[in-house]
Amino acid sequence: MNASEVKSLALECGADVVGITSMDRFEGAPRQMDPRFIFPGAQAMIVMGFRILRGALRGVEEGTFFATYSSMGYAAINKVLQPMVLWGFCKALEDEGYEAVPLPNIFPWTNTVTTVPKDKATIGQPRPGWSRPVSPEKPAPDVFFSLRIAAFCAGLGEIGWSKMFLTPRFGPRQRLAAVMTDAPLEADPLYSGPPLCDRCMACARDCAVGAISTTKSIRTKIAGRELEWSDIDYDKCSVGFCGASRHFNPFMVSEEDERGFSEPPYGKAQTYKCRPEYDYGRALEGARGCIRACMIHLTEQDKLQNRFKNPFRKREPWKLP
């Protein structure tokens, strides 16, 4: 199978966008975040995007139905759709005689420090006391790699200021998965279309808990390109998307509720009053800034290929006192 046939197969299996990267584009990644340690014989990685239905965001936008985004727009994509699509796709590759490693967006097993706002030097390092390398030349299990960086390497789009991955088709409305294979597939070029993120800062302004900085950023070089995104406060983000702001969470009706969301351990925020879907954190904030505000702005700029007959936001957004 050539690259074109493999991408067609991914779309037939259920992906909405797909690209291919060669493994050398991960050169320079921290050992603990380098996917080449997962499959040293891999020659390519196929990266797939699965659209978040715009309609899955409607109930949160109206403030009347919060279950659809958490289930259909979040957990079901990662925990149900992606594994099933990757299963069928990988079986077809293996029927052609090529090994295929499925990598859905479910990395709860990682021991890698990836979100430490107070100590950036530890990012990409093994989490202390969690595991140990099986031999001196290998990183500790489990290796964690960034699906957003993988999608960039596969030419699917760019990383926006909010660190959300943006494609010209859906903007921020997709979740990512990948497959590593030893099939010799031609890589797609890096995205070179019109820039999608114009640093409008709508994501930061609309973030319910102010997790997206407008002044501090992270800079890195990937596959020869200089990339930059906001220095996200992941402590705020981790409770914010669960509904930590009383202004955007109708289930927070008392001071006791507020303490239930904001006091450590942050895991309380994922189970308070509304249970997670598919054992996954419920997203009561509805990606207010990083997805909804970004999507609205990109639509107004006519930058997205996935167009609609009617605008998403039809009135002033709601906000509780």
C-alpha atoms as a PDB file:
ATOM      1  CA  MET A   1       0.000   0.000   0.000  1.00  0.00           C
ATOM      2  CA  ASN A   2       1.277   3.459  -0.851  1.00  0.00           C
ATOM      3  CA  ALA A   3       0.687   6.629   1.165  1.00  0.00           C
ATOM      4  CA  SER A   4      -2.387   7.656  -0.810  1.00  0.00           C
ATOM      5  CA  GLU A   5      -4.003   4.247  -0.328  1.00  0.00           C
ATOM      6  CA  VAL A   6      -3.225   4.261   3.394  1.00  0.00           C
ATOM      7  CA  LYS A   7      -4.798   7.700   3.863  1.00  0.00           C
ATOM      8  CA  SER A   8      -7.876   6.647   1.895  1.00  0.00           C
ATOM      9  CA  LEU A   9      -8.138   3.600   4.143  1.00  0.00           C
ATOM     10  CA  ALA A  10      -8.006   5.787   7.271  1.00  0.00           C
ATOM     11  CA  LEU A  11     -10.863   7.932   5.957  1.00  0.00           C
ATOM     12  CA  GLU A  12     -12.899   4.851   5.037  1.00  0.00           C
ATOM     13  CA  CYS A  13     -12.391   3.497   8.550  1.00  0.00           C
ATOM     14  CA  GLY A  14     -13.828   6.667  10.082  1.00  0.00           C
ATOM     15  CA  ALA A  15     -11.136   9.356  10.430  1.00  0.00           C
ATOM     16  CA  ASP A  16     -12.082  12.846   9.242  1.00  0.00           C
ATOM     17  CA  VAL A  17      -8.587  14.115   8.417  1.00  0.00           C
ATOM     18  CA  VAL A  18      -5.343  12.187   8.026  1.00  0.00           C
ATOM     19  CA  GLY A  19      -1.676  12.870   7.371  1.00  0.00           C
ATOM     20  CA  ILE A  20       1.624  10.989   7.434  1.00  0.00           C
ATOM     21  CA  THR A  21       4.924  11.952   9.027  1.00  0.00           C
ATOM     22  CA  SER A  22       8.328  10.350   8.773  1.00  0.00           C
ATOM     23  CA  MET A  23       9.898   9.448  12.089  1.00  0.00           C
ATOM     24  CA  ASP A  24      12.945  11.673  11.638  1.00  0.00           C
ATOM     25  CA  ARG A  25      10.759  14.733  12.242  1.00  0.00           C
ATOM     26  CA  PHE A  26      10.737  13.788  15.928  1.00  0.00           C
ATOM     27  CA  GLU A  27      14.508  14.286  16.150  1.00  0.00           C
ATOM     28  CA  GLY A  28      15.365  16.345  19.218  1.00  0.00           C
ATOM     29  CA  ALA A  29      12.358  15.273  21.298  1.00  0.00           C
ATOM     30  CA  PRO A  30      13.080  14.489  24.974  1.00  0.00           C
ATOM     31  CA  ARG A  31      13.819  10.754  25.368  1.00  0.00           C
ATOM     32  CA  GLN A  32      10.747  10.275  27.518  1.00  0.00           C
ATOM     33  CA  MET A  33       8.557  11.894  24.817  1.00  0.00           C
ATOM     34  CA  ASP A  34      10.136  10.395  21.710  1.00  0.00           C
ATOM     35  CA  PRO A  35       7.733   7.970  19.961  1.00  0.00           C
ATOM     36  CA  ARG A  36      10.621   6.253  18.181  1.00  0.00           C
ATOM     37  CA  PHE A  37      11.336   4.395  21.423  1.00  0.00           C
ATOM     38  CA  ILE A  38       7.864   2.844  21.214  1.00  0.00           C
ATOM     39  CA  PHE A  39       8.559   1.226  17.836  1.00  0.00           C
ATOM     40  CA  PRO A  40      12.221   1.585  16.782  1.00  0.00           C
ATOM     41  CA  GLY A  41      11.488  -0.095  13.449  1.00  0.00           C
ATOM     42  CA  ALA A  42       8.744   2.341  12.492  1.00  0.00           C
ATOM     43  CA  GLN A  43       9.213   4.194   9.234  1.00  0.00           C
ATOM     44  CA  ALA A  44       6.094   6.351   9.406  1.00  0.00           C
ATOM     45  CA  MET A  45       3.324   7.581  11.673  1.00  0.00           C
ATOM     46  CA  ILE A  46      -0.200   8.059  10.387  1.00  0.00           C
ATOM     47  CA  VAL A  47      -2.004  10.791  12.347  1.00  0.00           C
ATOM     48  CA  MET A  48      -5.799  11.001  12.263  1.00  0.00           C
ATOM     49  CA  GLY A  49      -8.214  13.695  13.351  1.00  0.00           C
ATOM     50  CA  PHE A  50     -11.776  12.925  14.490  1.00  0.00           C
ATOM     51  CA  ARG A  51     -14.164  15.835  14.289  1.00  0.00           C
ATOM     52  CA  ILE A  52     -15.984  17.218  17.313  1.00  0.00           C
ATOM     53  CA  LEU A  53     -19.504  17.789  16.055  1.00  0.00           C
ATOM     54  CA  ARG A  54     -20.425  21.451  16.283  1.00  0.00           C
ATOM     55  CA  GLY A  55     -23.811  20.294  17.527  1.00  0.00           C
ATOM     56  CA  ALA A  56     -22.145  18.628  20.511  1.00  0.00           C
ATOM     57  CA  LEU A  57     -21.315  22.136  21.746  1.00  0.00           C
ATOM     58  CA  ARG A  58     -24.847  23.511  21.302  1.00  0.00           C
ATOM     59  CA  GLY A  59     -26.269  22.555  24.703  1.00  0.00           C
ATOM     60  CA  VAL A  60     -23.369  24.166  26.590  1.00  0.00           C
ATOM     61  CA  GLU A  61     -23.620  27.274  24.397  1.00  0.00           C
ATOM     62  CA  GLU A  62     -27.300  27.598  25.330  1.00  0.00           C
ATOM     63  CA  GLY A  63     -26.639  26.658  28.967  1.00  0.00           C
ATOM     64  CA  THR A  64     -29.357  24.022  29.010  1.00  0.00           C
ATOM     65  CA  PHE A  65     -27.749  20.638  28.228  1.00  0.00           C
ATOM     66  CA  PHE A  66     -24.222  19.758  29.277  1.00  0.00           C
ATOM     67  CA  ALA A  67     -24.100  16.005  28.697  1.00  0.00           C
ATOM     68  CA  THR A  68     -23.579  15.890  24.921  1.00  0.00           C
ATOM     69  CA  TYR A  69     -20.200  17.613  24.745  1.00  0.00           C
ATOM     70  CA  SER A  70     -18.770  15.595  27.623  1.00  0.00           C
ATOM     71  CA  SER A  71     -19.975  12.328  26.102  1.00  0.00           C
ATOM     72  CA  MET A  72     -20.199  12.657  22.310  1.00  0.00           C
ATOM     73  CA  GLY A  73     -17.681  15.479  21.926  1.00  0.00           C
ATOM     74  CA  TYR A  74     -15.056  14.259  24.345  1.00  0.00           C
ATOM     75  CA  ALA A  75     -15.111  10.848  25.991  1.00  0.00           C
ATOM     76  CA  ALA A  76     -16.798   8.852  23.236  1.00  0.00           C
ATOM     77  CA  ILE A  77     -14.332  10.067  20.608  1.00  0.00           C
ATOM     78  CA  ASN A  78     -11.301   9.146  22.701  1.00  0.00           C
ATOM     79  CA  LYS A  79     -12.603   6.012  24.398  1.00  0.00           C
ATOM     80  CA  VAL A  80     -14.970   4.506  21.811  1.00  0.00           C
ATOM     81  CA  LEU A  81     -14.609   5.895  18.275  1.00  0.00           C
ATOM     82  CA  GLN A  82     -10.830   6.140  18.047  1.00  0.00           C
ATOM     83  CA  PRO A  83     -10.063   2.618  19.335  1.00  0.00           C
ATOM     84  CA  MET A  84     -12.595   1.066  16.965  1.00  0.00           C
ATOM     85  CA  VAL A  85     -11.318   2.987  13.930  1.00  0.00           C
ATOM     86  CA  LEU A  86      -7.693   2.231  14.789  1.00  0.00           C
ATOM     87  CA  TRP A  87      -8.567  -1.428  15.285  1.00  0.00           C
ATOM     88  CA  GLY A  88      -9.967  -1.785  11.776  1.00  0.00           C
ATOM     89  CA  PHE A  89      -7.235   0.343  10.222  1.00  0.00           C
ATOM     90  CA  CYS A  90      -4.404  -1.549  11.907  1.00  0.00           C
ATOM     91  CA  LYS A  91      -5.897  -4.916  10.955  1.00  0.00           C
ATOM     92  CA  ALA A  92      -5.890  -3.865   7.306  1.00  0.00           C
ATOM     93  CA  LEU A  93      -2.236  -2.767   7.527  1.00  0.00           C
ATOM     94  CA  GLU A  94      -1.233  -5.998   9.225  1.00  0.00           C
ATOM     95  CA  ASP A  95      -3.082  -7.981   6.547  1.00  0.00           C
ATOM     96  CA  GLU A  96      -0.656  -6.334   4.111  1.00  0.00           C
ATOM     97  CA  GLY A  97       2.274  -7.633   6.177  1.00  0.00           C
ATOM     98  CA  TYR A  98       3.130  -4.413   8.054  1.00  0.00           C
ATOM     99  CA  GLU A  99       3.100  -4.028  11.807  1.00  0.00           C
ATOM    100  CA  ALA A 100       0.834  -1.261  13.118  1.00  0.00           C
ATOM    101  CA  VAL A 101       0.892   0.218  16.628  1.00  0.00           C
ATOM    102  CA  PRO A 102      -2.434   1.898  17.561  1.00  0.00           C
ATOM    103  CA  LEU A 103      -2.142   5.034  19.694  1.00  0.00           C
ATOM    104  CA  PRO A 104      -5.542   6.503  20.589  1.00  0.00           C
ATOM    105  CA  ASN A 105      -5.806   9.634  22.695  1.00  0.00           C
ATOM    106  CA  ILE A 106      -6.026   7.775  26.000  1.00  0.00           C
ATOM    107  CA  PHE A 107      -2.730   8.227  27.831  1.00  0.00           C
ATOM    108  CA  PRO A 108      -3.736   7.786  31.492  1.00  0.00           C
ATOM    109  CA  TRP A 109      -0.860   5.365  31.955  1.00  0.00           C
ATOM    110  CA  THR A 110       1.948   7.830  31.278  1.00  0.00           C
ATOM    111  CA  ASN A 111       4.569   8.408  33.927  1.00  0.00           C
ATOM    112  CA  THR A 112       5.919  11.448  32.103  1.00  0.00           C
ATOM    113  CA  VAL A 113       5.849  14.889  33.679  1.00  0.00           C
ATOM    114  CA  THR A 114       4.090  16.978  31.014  1.00  0.00           C
ATOM    115  CA  THR A 115       2.300  19.717  32.955  1.00  0.00           C
ATOM    116  CA  VAL A 116       4.360  21.294  35.719  1.00  0.00           C
ATOM    117  CA  PRO A 117       3.793  25.065  35.648  1.00  0.00           C
ATOM    118  CA  LYS A 118       6.185  25.779  38.505  1.00  0.00           C
ATOM    119  CA  ASP A 119       9.148  23.770  37.217  1.00  0.00           C
ATOM    120  CA  LYS A 120       9.455  23.683  33.432  1.00  0.00           C
ATOM    121  CA  ALA A 121      12.798  21.867  33.630  1.00  0.00           C
ATOM    122  CA  THR A 122      11.045  18.648  34.638  1.00  0.00           C
ATOM    123  CA  ILE A 123       8.752  18.503  31.591  1.00  0.00           C
ATOM    124  CA  GLY A 124       9.494  15.416  29.543  1.00  0.00           C
ATOM    125  CA  GLN A 125      11.230  13.679  32.433  1.00  0.00           C
ATOM    126  CA  PRO A 126      10.070  10.462  34.145  1.00  0.00           C
ATOM    127  CA  ARG A 127       7.710  11.031  37.042  1.00  0.00           C
ATOM    128  CA  PRO A 128       9.769  10.291  40.198  1.00  0.00           C
ATOM    129  CA  GLY A 129       9.093   6.949  41.811  1.00  0.00           C
ATOM    130  CA  TRP A 130       6.737   5.744  39.080  1.00  0.00           C
ATOM    131  CA  SER A 131       8.795   3.352  36.938  1.00  0.00           C
ATOM    132  CA  ARG A 132      12.337   2.595  35.817  1.00  0.00           C
ATOM    133  CA  PRO A 133      13.999   1.832  32.451  1.00  0.00           C
ATOM    134  CA  VAL A 134      14.230  -1.838  31.512  1.00  0.00           C
ATOM    135  CA  SER A 135      17.761  -1.213  30.209  1.00  0.00           C
ATOM    136  CA  PRO A 136      20.195   1.738  30.331  1.00  0.00           C
ATOM    137  CA  GLU A 137      19.678   2.795  26.699  1.00  0.00           C
ATOM    138  CA  LYS A 138      15.883   3.077  27.003  1.00  0.00           C
ATOM    139  CA  PRO A 139      13.575   5.620  28.635  1.00  0.00           C
ATOM    140  CA  ALA A 140      11.302   4.518  31.460  1.00  0.00           C
ATOM    141  CA  PRO A 141       7.851   3.142  30.640  1.00  0.00           C
ATOM    142  CA  ASP A 142       5.542   4.553  29.548  1.00  0.00           C
ATOM    143  CA  VAL A 143       6.825   6.869  26.811  1.00  0.00           C
ATOM    144  CA  PHE A 144       4.467   9.779  26.263  1.00  0.00           C
ATOM    145  CA  PHE A 145       4.467  11.845  23.085  1.00  0.00           C
ATOM    146  CA  SER A 146       2.432  14.854  22.004  1.00  0.00           C
ATOM    147  CA  LEU A 147      -0.300  14.021  19.500  1.00  0.00           C
ATOM    148  CA  ARG A 148      -0.498  17.718  18.611  1.00  0.00           C
ATOM    149  CA  ILE A 149       3.167  17.793  17.667  1.00  0.00           C
ATOM    150  CA  ALA A 150       2.646  14.546  15.743  1.00  0.00           C
ATOM    151  CA  ALA A 151      -0.241  16.153  13.837  1.00  0.00           C
ATOM    152  CA  PHE A 152       1.960  19.146  13.033  1.00  0.00           C
ATOM    153  CA  CYS A 153       4.686  16.812  11.768  1.00  0.00           C
ATOM    154  CA  ALA A 154       2.073  15.051   9.604  1.00  0.00           C
ATOM    155  CA  GLY A 155       1.123  18.313   7.903  1.00  0.00           C
ATOM    156  CA  LEU A 156      -2.432  18.477   9.233  1.00  0.00           C
ATOM    157  CA  GLY A 157      -2.242  22.075  10.423  1.00  0.00           C
ATOM    158  CA  GLU A 158      -0.697  24.188  13.162  1.00  0.00           C
ATOM    159  CA  ILE A 159      -0.669  24.589  16.930  1.00  0.00           C
ATOM    160  CA  GLY A 160      -2.596  27.704  17.963  1.00  0.00           C
ATOM    161  CA  TRP A 161      -1.891  30.108  20.802  1.00  0.00           C
ATOM    162  CA  SER A 162      -4.141  28.067  23.117  1.00  0.00           C
ATOM    163  CA  LYS A 163      -2.005  24.988  22.307  1.00  0.00           C
ATOM    164  CA  MET A 164      -5.051  23.479  20.617  1.00  0.00           C
ATOM    165  CA  PHE A 165      -4.296  21.882  17.279  1.00  0.00           C
ATOM    166  CA  LEU A 166      -5.921  23.729  14.373  1.00  0.00           C
ATOM    167  CA  THR A 167      -6.726  22.265  10.970  1.00  0.00           C
ATOM    168  CA  PRO A 168      -7.946  24.237   7.947  1.00  0.00           C
ATOM    169  CA  ARG A 169     -11.033  22.027   7.842  1.00  0.00           C
ATOM    170  CA  PHE A 170     -12.290  22.147  11.443  1.00  0.00           C
ATOM    171  CA  GLY A 171     -10.120  24.658  13.276  1.00  0.00           C
ATOM    172  CA  PRO A 172      -9.862  23.350  16.873  1.00  0.00           C
ATOM    173  CA  ARG A 173     -12.751  20.876  16.498  1.00  0.00           C
ATOM    174  CA  GLN A 174     -10.967  17.542  16.368  1.00  0.00           C
ATOM    175  CA  ARG A 175      -9.322  15.011  18.624  1.00  0.00           C
ATOM    176  CA  LEU A 176      -6.217  13.200  17.489  1.00  0.00           C
ATOM    177  CA  ALA A 177      -4.932   9.638  17.322  1.00  0.00           C
ATOM    178  CA  ALA A 178      -1.998   7.956  15.594  1.00  0.00           C
ATOM    179  CA  VAL A 179      -0.627   4.692  14.220  1.00  0.00           C
ATOM    180  CA  MET A 180       3.051   3.817  13.903  1.00  0.00           C
ATOM    181  CA  THR A 181       4.032   1.377  11.177  1.00  0.00           C
ATOM    182  CA  ASP A 182       7.047  -0.143   9.472  1.00  0.00           C
ATOM    183  CA  ALA A 183       5.393   0.410   6.096  1.00  0.00           C
ATOM    184  CA  PRO A 184       7.619   2.670   3.943  1.00  0.00           C
ATOM    185  CA  LEU A 185       5.161   5.528   3.400  1.00  0.00           C
ATOM    186  CA  GLU A 186       5.880   8.928   1.871  1.00  0.00           C
ATOM    187  CA  ALA A 187       5.489  11.745   4.383  1.00  0.00           C
ATOM    188  CA  ASP A 188       3.199  14.700   3.775  1.00  0.00           C
ATOM    189  CA  PRO A 189       4.767  18.175   3.686  1.00  0.00           C
ATOM    190  CA  LEU A 190       4.396  20.379   6.739  1.00  0.00           C
ATOM    191  CA  TYR A 191       1.375  22.681   6.643  1.00  0.00           C
ATOM    192  CA  SER A 192       2.159  25.734   4.520  1.00  0.00           C
ATOM    193  CA  GLY A 193      -1.304  27.166   3.933  1.00  0.00           C
ATOM    194  CA  PRO A 194      -2.600  30.510   5.222  1.00  0.00           C
ATOM    195  CA  PRO A 195      -1.931  30.903   8.963  1.00  0.00           C
ATOM    196  CA  LEU A 196      -4.939  29.893  11.025  1.00  0.00           C
ATOM    197  CA  CYS A 197      -4.091  31.439  14.402  1.00  0.00           C
ATOM    198  CA  ASP A 198      -3.722  35.226  14.208  1.00  0.00           C
ATOM    199  CA  ARG A 199      -3.110  35.678  17.961  1.00  0.00           C
ATOM    200  CA  CYS A 200      -6.510  37.330  18.443  1.00  0.00           C
ATOM    201  CA  MET A 201      -6.462  36.090  22.066  1.00  0.00           C
ATOM    202  CA  ALA A 202     -10.165  35.199  22.026  1.00  0.00           C
ATOM    203  CA  CYS A 203      -9.188  31.841  23.566  1.00  0.00           C
ATOM    204  CA  ALA A 204      -7.529  33.602  26.511  1.00  0.00           C
ATOM    205  CA  ARG A 205     -10.302  36.162  26.977  1.00  0.00           C
ATOM    206  CA  ASP A 206     -13.025  33.511  27.015  1.00  0.00           C
ATOM    207  CA  CYS A 207     -11.255  30.890  29.139  1.00  0.00           C
ATOM    208  CA  ALA A 208     -13.461  30.599  32.217  1.00  0.00           C
ATOM    209  CA  VAL A 209     -10.530  30.340  34.647  1.00  0.00           C
ATOM    210  CA  GLY A 210      -7.839  32.409  32.918  1.00  0.00           C
ATOM    211  CA  ALA A 211      -5.585  29.432  32.230  1.00  0.00           C
ATOM    212  CA  ILE A 212      -4.272  30.793  28.915  1.00  0.00           C
ATOM    213  CA  SER A 213      -1.609  33.481  29.313  1.00  0.00           C
ATOM    214  CA  THR A 214      -1.585  36.354  26.821  1.00  0.00           C
ATOM    215  CA  THR A 215       2.020  37.332  27.556  1.00  0.00           C
ATOM    216  CA  LYS A 216       3.997  34.203  28.494  1.00  0.00           C
ATOM    217  CA  SER A 217       4.728  31.557  25.895  1.00  0.00           C
ATOM    218  CA  ILE A 218       6.511  28.277  25.211  1.00  0.00           C
ATOM    219  CA  ARG A 219       8.840  28.180  22.208  1.00  0.00           C
ATOM    220  CA  THR A 220      10.277  25.108  20.567  1.00  0.00           C
ATOM    221  CA  LYS A 221      11.673  23.941  17.244  1.00  0.00           C
ATOM    222  CA  ILE A 222       9.991  20.979  15.552  1.00  0.00           C
ATOM    223  CA  ALA A 223      11.023  19.552  12.176  1.00  0.00           C
ATOM    224  CA  GLY A 224      12.960  22.724  11.425  1.00  0.00           C
ATOM    225  CA  ARG A 225      10.064  25.069  12.244  1.00  0.00           C
ATOM    226  CA  GLU A 226       9.883  27.505  15.134  1.00  0.00           C
ATOM    227  CA  LEU A 227       6.655  26.997  17.104  1.00  0.00           C
ATOM    228  CA  GLU A 228       5.140  29.058  19.908  1.00  0.00           C
ATOM    229  CA  TRP A 229       2.065  28.734  22.088  1.00  0.00           C
ATOM    230  CA  SER A 230       0.777  30.130  25.381  1.00  0.00           C
ATOM    231  CA  ASP A 231       2.317  29.085  28.671  1.00  0.00           C
ATOM    232  CA  ILE A 232      -0.805  27.306  29.939  1.00  0.00           C
ATOM    233  CA  ASP A 233      -1.548  27.130  33.671  1.00  0.00           C
ATOM    234  CA  TYR A 234      -2.489  23.453  33.763  1.00  0.00           C
ATOM    235  CA  ASP A 235      -3.573  23.559  37.401  1.00  0.00           C
ATOM    236  CA  LYS A 236      -6.287  26.040  36.443  1.00  0.00           C
ATOM    237  CA  CYS A 237      -7.086  24.201  33.217  1.00  0.00           C
ATOM    238  CA  SER A 238      -7.489  20.842  34.958  1.00  0.00           C
ATOM    239  CA  VAL A 239     -10.312  22.128  37.178  1.00  0.00           C
ATOM    240  CA  GLY A 240     -11.570  24.775  34.779  1.00  0.00           C
ATOM    241  CA  PHE A 241     -12.780  22.390  32.123  1.00  0.00           C
ATOM    242  CA  CYS A 242     -14.670  20.468  34.832  1.00  0.00           C
ATOM    243  CA  GLY A 243     -16.570  23.631  35.791  1.00  0.00           C
ATOM    244  CA  ALA A 244     -14.464  25.434  38.395  1.00  0.00           C
ATOM    245  CA  SER A 245     -15.894  28.877  37.601  1.00  0.00           C
ATOM    246  CA  ARG A 246     -19.235  29.646  39.248  1.00  0.00           C
ATOM    247  CA  HIS A 247     -19.991  32.072  36.401  1.00  0.00           C
ATOM    248  CA  PHE A 248     -20.141  29.242  33.849  1.00  0.00           C
ATOM    249  CA  ASN A 249     -21.318  26.259  35.898  1.00  0.00           C
ATOM    250  CA  PRO A 250     -25.058  26.112  36.712  1.00  0.00           C
ATOM    251  CA  PHE A 251     -24.436  23.060  38.916  1.00  0.00           C
ATOM    252  CA  MET A 252     -22.425  25.191  41.353  1.00  0.00           C
ATOM    253  CA  VAL A 253     -25.111  26.632  43.581  1.00  0.00           C
ATOM    254  CA  SER A 254     -23.430  26.982  46.981  1.00  0.00           C
ATOM    255  CA  GLU A 255     -20.137  27.701  48.695  1.00  0.00           C
ATOM    256  CA  GLU A 256     -19.863  23.984  49.390  1.00  0.00           C
ATOM    257  CA  ASP A 257     -20.018  23.355  45.630  1.00  0.00           C
ATOM    258  CA  GLU A 258     -17.299  25.901  45.016  1.00  0.00           C
ATOM    259  CA  ARG A 259     -15.017  24.239  47.560  1.00  0.00           C
ATOM    260  CA  GLY A 260     -15.725  20.885  45.923  1.00  0.00           C
ATOM    261  CA  PHE A 261     -14.317  22.188  42.668  1.00  0.00           C
ATOM    262  CA  SER A 262     -11.403  24.300  43.804  1.00  0.00           C
ATOM    263  CA  GLU A 263      -9.855  22.457  46.737  1.00  0.00           C
ATOM    264  CA  PRO A 264      -7.252  19.716  46.141  1.00  0.00           C
ATOM    265  CA  PRO A 265      -7.301  16.969  45.106  1.00  0.00           C
ATOM    266  CA  TYR A 266      -8.387  18.216  41.703  1.00  0.00           C
ATOM    267  CA  GLY A 267      -9.923  14.818  40.981  1.00  0.00           C
ATOM    268  CA  LYS A 268     -12.910  15.933  43.083  1.00  0.00           C
ATOM    269  CA  ALA A 269     -13.823  18.346  40.321  1.00  0.00           C
ATOM    270  CA  GLN A 270     -14.299  15.472  37.904  1.00  0.00           C
ATOM    271  CA  THR A 271     -16.880  13.696  40.038  1.00  0.00           C
ATOM    272  CA  TYR A 272     -18.719  16.460  41.876  1.00  0.00           C
ATOM    273  CA  LYS A 273     -22.507  16.154  41.262  1.00  0.00           C
ATOM    274  CA  CYS A 274     -22.099  15.070  37.618  1.00  0.00           C
ATOM    275  CA  ARG A 275     -20.314  11.779  37.034  1.00  0.00           C
ATOM    276  CA  PRO A 276     -17.700  11.398  34.290  1.00  0.00           C
ATOM    277  CA  GLU A 277     -18.693   9.813  30.983  1.00  0.00           C
ATOM    278  CA  TYR A 278     -16.905   6.554  30.117  1.00  0.00           C
ATOM    279  CA  ASP A 279     -14.739   7.099  33.226  1.00  0.00           C
ATOM    280  CA  TYR A 280     -13.601  10.349  31.641  1.00  0.00           C
ATOM    281  CA  GLY A 281     -13.602  13.849  33.113  1.00  0.00           C
ATOM    282  CA  ARG A 282     -16.793  15.706  32.261  1.00  0.00           C
ATOM    283  CA  ALA A 283     -16.205  18.990  30.419  1.00  0.00           C
ATOM    284  CA  LEU A 284     -18.793  21.341  31.905  1.00  0.00           C
ATOM    285  CA  GLU A 285     -16.950  24.459  30.733  1.00  0.00           C
ATOM    286  CA  GLY A 286     -17.535  23.270  27.170  1.00  0.00           C
ATOM    287  CA  ALA A 287     -14.128  24.428  25.928  1.00  0.00           C
ATOM    288  CA  ARG A 288     -15.405  27.985  26.184  1.00  0.00           C
ATOM    289  CA  GLY A 289     -12.220  29.672  25.036  1.00  0.00           C
ATOM    290  CA  CYS A 290      -9.887  27.122  23.452  1.00  0.00           C
ATOM    291  CA  ILE A 291     -12.535  25.623  21.138  1.00  0.00           C
ATOM    292  CA  ARG A 292     -15.742  27.679  21.035  1.00  0.00           C
ATOM    293  CA  ALA A 293     -14.230  31.169  20.938  1.00  0.00           C
ATOM    294  CA  CYS A 294     -11.524  30.029  18.518  1.00  0.00           C
ATOM    295  CA  MET A 295     -14.062  28.304  16.255  1.00  0.00           C
ATOM    296  CA  ILE A 296     -16.256  31.415  16.158  1.00  0.00           C
ATOM    297  CA  HIS A 297     -13.316  33.661  15.306  1.00  0.00           C
ATOM    298  CA  LEU A 298     -11.970  31.385  12.571  1.00  0.00           C
ATOM    299  CA  THR A 299     -15.461  31.094  11.088  1.00  0.00           C
ATOM    300  CA  GLU A 300     -15.836  34.871  11.038  1.00  0.00           C
ATOM    301  CA  GLN A 301     -12.484  35.074   9.264  1.00  0.00           C
ATOM    302  CA  ASP A 302     -13.751  32.490   6.719  1.00  0.00           C
ATOM    303  CA  LYS A 303     -10.718  30.306   7.364  1.00  0.00           C
ATOM    304  CA  LEU A 304     -12.483  26.965   7.815  1.00  0.00           C
ATOM    305  CA  GLN A 305     -13.537  24.538   5.114  1.00  0.00           C
ATOM    306  CA  ASN A 306     -16.309  22.993   7.237  1.00  0.00           C
ATOM    307  CA  ARG A 307     -19.010  25.640   6.715  1.00  0.00           C
ATOM    308  CA  PHE A 308     -22.542  25.923   8.093  1.00  0.00           C
ATOM    309  CA  LYS A 309     -25.762  27.568   6.944  1.00  0.00           C
ATOM    310  CA  ASN A 310     -26.228  29.421  10.249  1.00  0.00           C
ATOM    311  CA  PRO A 311     -23.809  31.032  12.716  1.00  0.00           C
ATOM    312  CA  PHE A 312     -22.955  29.174  15.915  1.00  0.00           C
ATOM    313  CA  ARG A 313     -23.392  32.113  18.313  1.00  0.00           C
ATOM    314  CA  LYS A 314     -26.707  33.887  17.789  1.00  0.00           C
ATOM    315  CA  ARG A 315     -26.958  35.955  20.972  1.00  0.00           C
ATOM    316  CA  GLU A 316     -24.807  37.287  23.812  1.00  0.00           C
ATOM    317  CA  PRO A 317     -23.270  34.328  25.663  1.00  0.00           C
ATOM    318  CA  TRP A 318     -24.756  33.579  29.057  1.00  0.00           C
ATOM    319  CA  LYS A 319     -22.910  34.286  32.278  1.00  0.00           C
ATOM    320  CA  LEU A 320     -24.094  33.652  35.815  1.00  0.00           C
ATOM    321  CA  PRO A 321     -23.681  36.353  38.507  1.00  0.00           C
END
